[in-house]
Structure formats: structure tokens, C-alpha cells
Amino acid sequence: MKQKDLPIILVVVFISAVLSFIVSRALFSSSSSRRQQVDVVQSISSSFPAPDGRYFNNNAVDPTQLIQVGTNNNTNPFSSSTH
């Protein structure tokens, strides 16, 4: 490549980039397709209403409590030997 070829190549690359940008904006995106409607969401608050009495029972069994059925004398349940 000769020394005078480089500026010509740079000019051609610049002109082709500008032309491709203009043509792609004209063909692929119109101003109406660039606008989109979005739903507006309500802000989140830290206060929660009391749960409905029909579905929430204060006297129900708490599922987070540990329930033990019977006695377990095995201190290492994952060992291969049984006691």
C-alpha cells in the first residue's frame, strides 16, 4: 500500500459510514416506532394492611416451628453405623 492510499481509504470509510447510518435510520426506524407507551406503576409503600380474617387464623399451627415426632438417640444421623 502506498502512502497516498491511506487518506483515500479513510475518506471512503467515513463517507460510507455516514451514508449507511442515514440509510439505516430512514429504512428501519420511523419516528412513530421509536416511541413506546409504558404503564405507570404505583409506588411501593412500607405499610401493609391487616390480612383478611377469612384467610388468616391467629390460632393456627405455626409451620416454622420445629416439630419432633418421637425420640431420637442418634447424635450423628448421617453415619453408616447404627446404635
PDB file of N, CA and C in Angstrom:
ATOM      1  N   MET A   1       0.850  -1.159   0.000  1.00  0.00           N
ATOM      2  CA  MET A   1       0.000   0.000   0.000  1.00  0.00           C
ATOM      3  C   MET A   1       0.902   1.229   0.000  1.00  0.00           C
ATOM      4  N   LYS A   2       0.528   2.182  -0.832  1.00  0.00           N
ATOM      5  CA  LYS A   2       1.320   3.392  -0.945  1.00  0.00           C
ATOM      6  C   LYS A   2       0.891   4.409   0.105  1.00  0.00           C
ATOM      7  N   GLN A   3       1.714   5.406   0.289  1.00  0.00           N
ATOM      8  CA  GLN A   3       1.469   6.435   1.295  1.00  0.00           C
ATOM      9  C   GLN A   3       0.220   7.247   0.973  1.00  0.00           C
ATOM     10  N   LYS A   4      -0.063   7.486  -0.276  1.00  0.00           N
ATOM     11  CA  LYS A   4      -1.221   8.312  -0.649  1.00  0.00           C
ATOM     12  C   LYS A   4      -2.532   7.518  -0.664  1.00  0.00           C
ATOM     13  N   ASP A   5      -2.474   6.225  -0.516  1.00  0.00           N
ATOM     14  CA  ASP A   5      -3.696   5.410  -0.486  1.00  0.00           C
ATOM     15  C   ASP A   5      -4.435   5.512   0.854  1.00  0.00           C
ATOM     16  N   LEU A   6      -3.723   5.731   1.932  1.00  0.00           N
ATOM     17  CA  LEU A   6      -4.332   5.760   3.257  1.00  0.00           C
ATOM     18  C   LEU A   6      -5.366   6.879   3.419  1.00  0.00           C
ATOM     19  N   PRO A   7      -5.098   8.115   3.040  1.00  0.00           N
ATOM     20  CA  PRO A   7      -6.143   9.152   3.182  1.00  0.00           C
ATOM     21  C   PRO A   7      -7.384   8.869   2.329  1.00  0.00           C
ATOM     22  N   ILE A   8      -7.221   8.311   1.171  1.00  0.00           N
ATOM     23  CA  ILE A   8      -8.350   7.994   0.307  1.00  0.00           C
ATOM     24  C   ILE A   8      -9.211   6.903   0.960  1.00  0.00           C
ATOM     25  N   ILE A   9      -8.566   5.901   1.540  1.00  0.00           N
ATOM     26  CA  ILE A   9      -9.295   4.817   2.213  1.00  0.00           C
ATOM     27  C   ILE A   9     -10.056   5.370   3.409  1.00  0.00           C
ATOM     28  N   LEU A  10      -9.430   6.248   4.186  1.00  0.00           N
ATOM     29  CA  LEU A  10     -10.101   6.835   5.346  1.00  0.00           C
ATOM     30  C   LEU A  10     -11.307   7.676   4.942  1.00  0.00           C
ATOM     31  N   VAL A  11     -11.199   8.427   3.858  1.00  0.00           N
ATOM     32  CA  VAL A  11     -12.321   9.230   3.385  1.00  0.00           C
ATOM     33  C   VAL A  11     -13.461   8.327   2.908  1.00  0.00           C
ATOM     34  N   VAL A  12     -13.145   7.282   2.201  1.00  0.00           N
ATOM     35  CA  VAL A  12     -14.166   6.360   1.716  1.00  0.00           C
ATOM     36  C   VAL A  12     -14.858   5.665   2.896  1.00  0.00           C
ATOM     37  N   VAL A  13     -14.118   5.256   3.906  1.00  0.00           N
ATOM     38  CA  VAL A  13     -14.699   4.611   5.075  1.00  0.00           C
ATOM     39  C   VAL A  13     -15.614   5.577   5.813  1.00  0.00           C
ATOM     40  N   PHE A  14     -15.187   6.817   5.987  1.00  0.00           N
ATOM     41  CA  PHE A  14     -16.005   7.811   6.684  1.00  0.00           C
ATOM     42  C   PHE A  14     -17.296   8.098   5.933  1.00  0.00           C
ATOM     43  N   ILE A  15     -17.210   8.297   4.637  1.00  0.00           N
ATOM     44  CA  ILE A  15     -18.400   8.593   3.832  1.00  0.00           C
ATOM     45  C   ILE A  15     -19.353   7.398   3.822  1.00  0.00           C
ATOM     46  N   SER A  16     -18.834   6.192   3.712  1.00  0.00           N
ATOM     47  CA  SER A  16     -19.716   5.017   3.703  1.00  0.00           C
ATOM     48  C   SER A  16     -20.371   4.815   5.064  1.00  0.00           C
ATOM     49  N   ALA A  17     -19.676   5.130   6.145  1.00  0.00           N
ATOM     50  CA  ALA A  17     -20.281   5.005   7.475  1.00  0.00           C
ATOM     51  C   ALA A  17     -21.411   6.006   7.646  1.00  0.00           C
ATOM     52  N   VAL A  18     -21.203   7.235   7.218  1.00  0.00           N
ATOM     53  CA  VAL A  18     -22.253   8.260   7.337  1.00  0.00           C
ATOM     54  C   VAL A  18     -23.447   7.893   6.462  1.00  0.00           C
ATOM     55  N   LEU A  19     -23.212   7.462   5.258  1.00  0.00           N
ATOM     56  CA  LEU A  19     -24.308   7.087   4.362  1.00  0.00           C
ATOM     57  C   LEU A  19     -25.070   5.867   4.894  1.00  0.00           C
ATOM     58  N   SER A  20     -24.372   4.888   5.417  1.00  0.00           N
ATOM     59  CA  SER A  20     -25.071   3.708   5.942  1.00  0.00           C
ATOM     60  C   SER A  20     -25.892   4.069   7.175  1.00  0.00           C
ATOM     61  N   PHE A  21     -25.408   5.001   7.994  1.00  0.00           N
ATOM     62  CA  PHE A  21     -26.172   5.446   9.152  1.00  0.00           C
ATOM     63  C   PHE A  21     -27.447   6.161   8.714  1.00  0.00           C
ATOM     64  N   ILE A  22     -27.348   7.032   7.739  1.00  0.00           N
ATOM     65  CA  ILE A  22     -28.525   7.769   7.252  1.00  0.00           C
ATOM     66  C   ILE A  22     -29.532   6.834   6.605  1.00  0.00           C
ATOM     67  N   VAL A  23     -29.071   5.920   5.793  1.00  0.00           N
ATOM     68  CA  VAL A  23     -29.974   4.993   5.104  1.00  0.00           C
ATOM     69  C   VAL A  23     -30.630   4.039   6.105  1.00  0.00           C
ATOM     70  N   SER A  24     -29.895   3.554   7.093  1.00  0.00           N
ATOM     71  CA  SER A  24     -30.492   2.633   8.055  1.00  0.00           C
ATOM     72  C   SER A  24     -31.538   3.329   8.919  1.00  0.00           C
ATOM     73  N   ARG A  25     -31.326   4.578   9.279  1.00  0.00           N
ATOM     74  CA  ARG A  25     -32.337   5.304  10.051  1.00  0.00           C
ATOM     75  C   ARG A  25     -33.581   5.563   9.211  1.00  0.00           C
ATOM     76  N   ALA A  26     -33.408   5.784   7.928  1.00  0.00           N
ATOM     77  CA  ALA A  26     -34.559   6.033   7.068  1.00  0.00           C
ATOM     78  C   ALA A  26     -35.348   4.755   6.797  1.00  0.00           C
ATOM     79  N   LEU A  27     -34.673   3.632   6.678  1.00  0.00           N
ATOM     80  CA  LEU A  27     -35.350   2.390   6.335  1.00  0.00           C
ATOM     81  C   LEU A  27     -35.921   1.654   7.551  1.00  0.00           C
ATOM     82  N   PHE A  28     -35.175   1.577   8.630  1.00  0.00           N
ATOM     83  CA  PHE A  28     -35.535   0.681   9.714  1.00  0.00           C
ATOM     84  C   PHE A  28     -36.287   1.324  10.865  1.00  0.00           C
ATOM     85  N   SER A  29     -36.147   2.597  11.074  1.00  0.00           N
ATOM     86  CA  SER A  29     -36.820   3.181  12.235  1.00  0.00           C
ATOM     87  C   SER A  29     -37.486   4.494  11.855  1.00  0.00           C
ATOM     88  N   SER A  30     -38.796   4.482  12.044  1.00  0.00           N
ATOM     89  CA  SER A  30     -39.527   5.728  11.845  1.00  0.00           C
ATOM     90  C   SER A  30     -39.720   6.383  13.206  1.00  0.00           C
ATOM     91  N   SER A  31     -40.121   7.619  13.225  1.00  0.00           N
ATOM     92  CA  SER A  31     -40.262   8.319  14.499  1.00  0.00           C
ATOM     93  C   SER A  31     -41.389   7.724  15.342  1.00  0.00           C
ATOM     94  N   SER A  32     -42.412   7.175  14.706  1.00  0.00           N
ATOM     95  CA  SER A  32     -43.509   6.588  15.475  1.00  0.00           C
ATOM     96  C   SER A  32     -43.109   5.245  16.099  1.00  0.00           C
ATOM     97  N   SER A  33     -42.219   4.497  15.476  1.00  0.00           N
ATOM     98  CA  SER A  33     -41.814   3.213  16.037  1.00  0.00           C
ATOM     99  C   SER A  33     -40.789   3.374  17.147  1.00  0.00           C
ATOM    100  N   ARG A  34     -40.191   4.539  17.280  1.00  0.00           N
ATOM    101  CA  ARG A  34     -39.230   4.771  18.353  1.00  0.00           C
ATOM    102  C   ARG A  34     -39.906   5.197  19.641  1.00  0.00           C
ATOM    103  N   ARG A  35     -41.177   5.500  19.594  1.00  0.00           N
ATOM    104  CA  ARG A  35     -41.918   5.886  20.788  1.00  0.00           C
ATOM    105  C   ARG A  35     -42.757   4.708  21.247  1.00  0.00           C
ATOM    106  N   GLN A  36     -42.756   4.508  22.536  1.00  0.00           N
ATOM    107  CA  GLN A  36     -43.492   3.375  23.082  1.00  0.00           C
ATOM    108  C   GLN A  36     -44.193   3.812  24.355  1.00  0.00           C
ATOM    109  N   GLN A  37     -45.440   3.377  24.503  1.00  0.00           N
ATOM    110  CA  GLN A  37     -46.211   3.688  25.689  1.00  0.00           C
ATOM    111  C   GLN A  37     -45.875   2.680  26.787  1.00  0.00           C
ATOM    112  N   VAL A  38     -45.738   3.160  28.006  1.00  0.00           N
ATOM    113  CA  VAL A  38     -45.457   2.288  29.131  1.00  0.00           C
ATOM    114  C   VAL A  38     -46.492   2.507  30.214  1.00  0.00           C
ATOM    115  N   ASP A  39     -46.709   1.482  31.015  1.00  0.00           N
ATOM    116  CA  ASP A  39     -47.628   1.589  32.141  1.00  0.00           C
ATOM    117  C   ASP A  39     -46.940   2.295  33.293  1.00  0.00           C
ATOM    118  N   VAL A  40     -47.693   3.084  34.012  1.00  0.00           N
ATOM    119  CA  VAL A  40     -47.171   3.765  35.180  1.00  0.00           C
ATOM    120  C   VAL A  40     -47.507   2.915  36.398  1.00  0.00           C
ATOM    121  N   VAL A  41     -46.502   2.600  37.172  1.00  0.00           N
ATOM    122  CA  VAL A  41     -46.702   1.770  38.353  1.00  0.00           C
ATOM    123  C   VAL A  41     -46.823   2.641  39.593  1.00  0.00           C
ATOM    124  N   GLN A  42     -47.559   2.126  40.561  1.00  0.00           N
ATOM    125  CA  GLN A  42     -47.710   2.845  41.811  1.00  0.00           C
ATOM    126  C   GLN A  42     -46.463   2.635  42.657  1.00  0.00           C
ATOM    127  N   SER A  43     -46.176   3.598  43.492  1.00  0.00           N
ATOM    128  CA  SER A  43     -45.000   3.484  44.344  1.00  0.00           C
ATOM    129  C   SER A  43     -45.237   2.442  45.438  1.00  0.00           C
ATOM    130  N   ILE A  44     -44.160   1.849  45.880  1.00  0.00           N
ATOM    131  CA  ILE A  44     -44.228   0.815  46.908  1.00  0.00           C
ATOM    132  C   ILE A  44     -44.182   1.490  48.271  1.00  0.00           C
ATOM    133  N   SER A  45     -45.096   1.100  49.141  1.00  0.00           N
ATOM    134  CA  SER A  45     -45.082   1.661  50.492  1.00  0.00           C
ATOM    135  C   SER A  45     -44.685   0.580  51.492  1.00  0.00           C
ATOM    136  N   SER A  46     -44.247   1.012  52.664  1.00  0.00           N
ATOM    137  CA  SER A  46     -43.801   0.054  53.666  1.00  0.00           C
ATOM    138  C   SER A  46     -44.932  -0.397  54.586  1.00  0.00           C
ATOM    139  N   SER A  47     -46.121   0.137  54.426  1.00  0.00           N
ATOM    140  CA  SER A  47     -47.237  -0.265  55.280  1.00  0.00           C
ATOM    141  C   SER A  47     -48.097  -1.302  54.557  1.00  0.00           C
ATOM    142  N   PHE A  48     -48.482  -2.319  55.294  1.00  0.00           N
ATOM    143  CA  PHE A  48     -49.316  -3.378  54.742  1.00  0.00           C
ATOM    144  C   PHE A  48     -50.637  -3.405  55.502  1.00  0.00           C
ATOM    145  N   PRO A  49     -51.726  -3.638  54.820  1.00  0.00           N
ATOM    146  CA  PRO A  49     -52.999  -3.747  55.528  1.00  0.00           C
ATOM    147  C   PRO A  49     -53.064  -5.065  56.296  1.00  0.00           C
ATOM    148  N   ALA A  50     -53.892  -5.106  57.292  1.00  0.00           N
ATOM    149  CA  ALA A  50     -54.062  -6.343  58.063  1.00  0.00           C
ATOM    150  C   ALA A  50     -54.664  -7.415  57.159  1.00  0.00           C
ATOM    151  N   PRO A  51     -54.241  -8.675  57.316  1.00  0.00           N
ATOM    152  CA  PRO A  51     -54.779  -9.741  56.465  1.00  0.00           C
ATOM    153  C   PRO A  51     -56.241 -10.008  56.781  1.00  0.00           C
ATOM    154  N   ASP A  52     -56.936 -10.512  55.788  1.00  0.00           N
ATOM    155  CA  ASP A  52     -58.361 -10.788  55.926  1.00  0.00           C
ATOM    156  C   ASP A  52     -58.575 -11.930  56.920  1.00  0.00           C
ATOM    157  N   GLY A  53     -59.514 -11.757  57.833  1.00  0.00           N
ATOM    158  CA  GLY A  53     -59.797 -12.753  58.860  1.00  0.00           C
ATOM    159  C   GLY A  53     -60.349 -14.045  58.299  1.00  0.00           C
ATOM    160  N   ARG A  54     -60.895 -14.016  57.097  1.00  0.00           N
ATOM    161  CA  ARG A  54     -61.416 -15.251  56.490  1.00  0.00           C
ATOM    162  C   ARG A  54     -60.287 -16.199  56.118  1.00  0.00           C
ATOM    163  N   TYR A  55     -59.099 -15.662  55.815  1.00  0.00           N
ATOM    164  CA  TYR A  55     -57.999 -16.494  55.337  1.00  0.00           C
ATOM    165  C   TYR A  55     -56.869 -16.622  56.350  1.00  0.00           C
ATOM    166  N   PHE A  56     -56.756 -15.696  57.299  1.00  0.00           N
ATOM    167  CA  PHE A  56     -55.670 -15.712  58.268  1.00  0.00           C
ATOM    168  C   PHE A  56     -56.210 -16.064  59.639  1.00  0.00           C
ATOM    169  N   ASN A  57     -55.664 -17.096  60.236  1.00  0.00           N
ATOM    170  CA  ASN A  57     -56.117 -17.562  61.537  1.00  0.00           C
ATOM    171  C   ASN A  57     -54.965 -17.416  62.523  1.00  0.00           C
ATOM    172  N   ASN A  58     -55.116 -16.592  63.545  1.00  0.00           N
ATOM    173  CA  ASN A  58     -54.074 -16.402  64.547  1.00  0.00           C
ATOM    174  C   ASN A  58     -53.828 -17.657  65.374  1.00  0.00           C
ATOM    175  N   ASN A  59     -54.801 -18.525  65.509  1.00  0.00           N
ATOM    176  CA  ASN A  59     -54.678 -19.712  66.346  1.00  0.00           C
ATOM    177  C   ASN A  59     -54.207 -20.942  65.577  1.00  0.00           C
ATOM    178  N   ALA A  60     -53.806 -20.772  64.340  1.00  0.00           N
ATOM    179  CA  ALA A  60     -53.378 -21.911  63.522  1.00  0.00           C
ATOM    180  C   ALA A  60     -51.985 -22.381  63.947  1.00  0.00           C
ATOM    181  N   VAL A  61     -51.604 -23.564  63.498  1.00  0.00           N
ATOM    182  CA  VAL A  61     -50.289 -24.124  63.790  1.00  0.00           C
ATOM    183  C   VAL A  61     -49.253 -23.322  63.013  1.00  0.00           C
ATOM    184  N   ASP A  62     -48.172 -22.952  63.687  1.00  0.00           N
ATOM    185  CA  ASP A  62     -47.102 -22.192  63.044  1.00  0.00           C
ATOM    186  C   ASP A  62     -46.193 -23.160  62.288  1.00  0.00           C
ATOM    187  N   PRO A  63     -46.139 -23.099  60.957  1.00  0.00           N
ATOM    188  CA  PRO A  63     -45.339 -24.065  60.196  1.00  0.00           C
ATOM    189  C   PRO A  63     -43.837 -23.844  60.352  1.00  0.00           C
ATOM    190  N   THR A  64     -43.411 -22.739  60.947  1.00  0.00           N
ATOM    191  CA  THR A  64     -41.982 -22.507  61.104  1.00  0.00           C
ATOM    192  C   THR A  64     -41.425 -23.127  62.374  1.00  0.00           C
ATOM    193  N   GLN A  65     -42.273 -23.644  63.229  1.00  0.00           N
ATOM    194  CA  GLN A  65     -41.815 -24.255  64.472  1.00  0.00           C
ATOM    195  C   GLN A  65     -41.341 -25.686  64.213  1.00  0.00           C
ATOM    196  N   LEU A  66     -40.296 -26.078  64.929  1.00  0.00           N
ATOM    197  CA  LEU A  66     -39.755 -27.425  64.800  1.00  0.00           C
ATOM    198  C   LEU A  66     -40.714 -28.416  65.458  1.00  0.00           C
ATOM    199  N   ILE A  67     -41.074 -29.443  64.725  1.00  0.00           N
ATOM    200  CA  ILE A  67     -41.965 -30.479  65.245  1.00  0.00           C
ATOM    201  C   ILE A  67     -41.163 -31.768  65.316  1.00  0.00           C
ATOM    202  N   GLN A  68     -41.095 -32.345  66.508  1.00  0.00           N
ATOM    203  CA  GLN A  68     -40.345 -33.576  66.703  1.00  0.00           C
ATOM    204  C   GLN A  68     -41.328 -34.698  67.010  1.00  0.00           C
ATOM    205  N   VAL A  69     -41.229 -35.768  66.249  1.00  0.00           N
ATOM    206  CA  VAL A  69     -42.086 -36.922  66.459  1.00  0.00           C
ATOM    207  C   VAL A  69     -41.229 -38.025  67.068  1.00  0.00           C
ATOM    208  N   GLY A  70     -41.515 -38.399  68.306  1.00  0.00           N
ATOM    209  CA  GLY A  70     -40.753 -39.450  68.982  1.00  0.00           C
ATOM    210  C   GLY A  70     -39.417 -38.932  69.483  1.00  0.00           C
ATOM    211  N   THR A  71     -38.594 -39.866  70.003  1.00  0.00           N
ATOM    212  CA  THR A  71     -37.276 -39.506  70.498  1.00  0.00           C
ATOM    213  C   THR A  71     -36.220 -40.004  69.535  1.00  0.00           C
ATOM    214  N   ASN A  72     -35.124 -39.297  69.480  1.00  0.00           N
ATOM    215  CA  ASN A  72     -34.036 -39.667  68.594  1.00  0.00           C
ATOM    216  C   ASN A  72     -32.761 -39.719  69.408  1.00  0.00           C
ATOM    217  N   ASN A  73     -32.203 -40.907  69.586  1.00  0.00           N
ATOM    218  CA  ASN A  73     -30.983 -41.077  70.356  1.00  0.00           C
ATOM    219  C   ASN A  73     -29.736 -41.015  69.493  1.00  0.00           C
ATOM    220  N   ASN A  74     -29.879 -40.969  68.216  1.00  0.00           N
ATOM    221  CA  ASN A  74     -28.745 -40.946  67.310  1.00  0.00           C
ATOM    222  C   ASN A  74     -28.229 -39.512  67.204  1.00  0.00           C
ATOM    223  N   THR A  75     -27.015 -39.274  67.692  1.00  0.00           N
ATOM    224  CA  THR A  75     -26.452 -37.921  67.636  1.00  0.00           C
ATOM    225  C   THR A  75     -25.833 -37.620  66.283  1.00  0.00           C
ATOM    226  N   ASN A  76     -25.503 -38.626  65.521  1.00  0.00           N
ATOM    227  CA  ASN A  76     -24.911 -38.437  64.199  1.00  0.00           C
ATOM    228  C   ASN A  76     -25.779 -39.199  63.198  1.00  0.00           C
ATOM    229  N   PRO A  77     -26.811 -38.579  62.632  1.00  0.00           N
ATOM    230  CA  PRO A  77     -27.744 -39.324  61.788  1.00  0.00           C
ATOM    231  C   PRO A  77     -27.177 -39.734  60.434  1.00  0.00           C
ATOM    232  N   PHE A  78     -26.061 -39.169  60.038  1.00  0.00           N
ATOM    233  CA  PHE A  78     -25.532 -39.476  58.713  1.00  0.00           C
ATOM    234  C   PHE A  78     -24.366 -40.460  58.752  1.00  0.00           C
ATOM    235  N   SER A  79     -24.139 -41.068  59.893  1.00  0.00           N
ATOM    236  CA  SER A  79     -23.074 -42.058  59.970  1.00  0.00           C
ATOM    237  C   SER A  79     -23.576 -43.390  59.429  1.00  0.00           C
ATOM    238  N   SER A  80     -22.639 -44.255  59.033  1.00  0.00           N
ATOM    239  CA  SER A  80     -23.042 -45.532  58.440  1.00  0.00           C
ATOM    240  C   SER A  80     -23.371 -46.570  59.498  1.00  0.00           C
ATOM    241  N   SER A  81     -22.909 -46.374  60.729  1.00  0.00           N
ATOM    242  CA  SER A  81     -23.197 -47.370  61.764  1.00  0.00           C
ATOM    243  C   SER A  81     -24.469 -46.980  62.513  1.00  0.00           C
ATOM    244  N   THR A  82     -25.198 -47.977  62.993  1.00  0.00           N
ATOM    245  CA  THR A  82     -26.408 -47.713  63.766  1.00  0.00           C
ATOM    246  C   THR A  82     -26.143 -48.042  65.217  1.00  0.00           C
ATOM    247  N   HIS A  83     -26.787 -47.369  66.128  1.00  0.00           N
ATOM    248  CA  HIS A  83     -26.591 -47.574  67.562  1.00  0.00           C
ATOM    249  C   HIS A  83     -27.744 -48.316  68.144  1.00  0.00           C
TER     250      HIS A  83
END
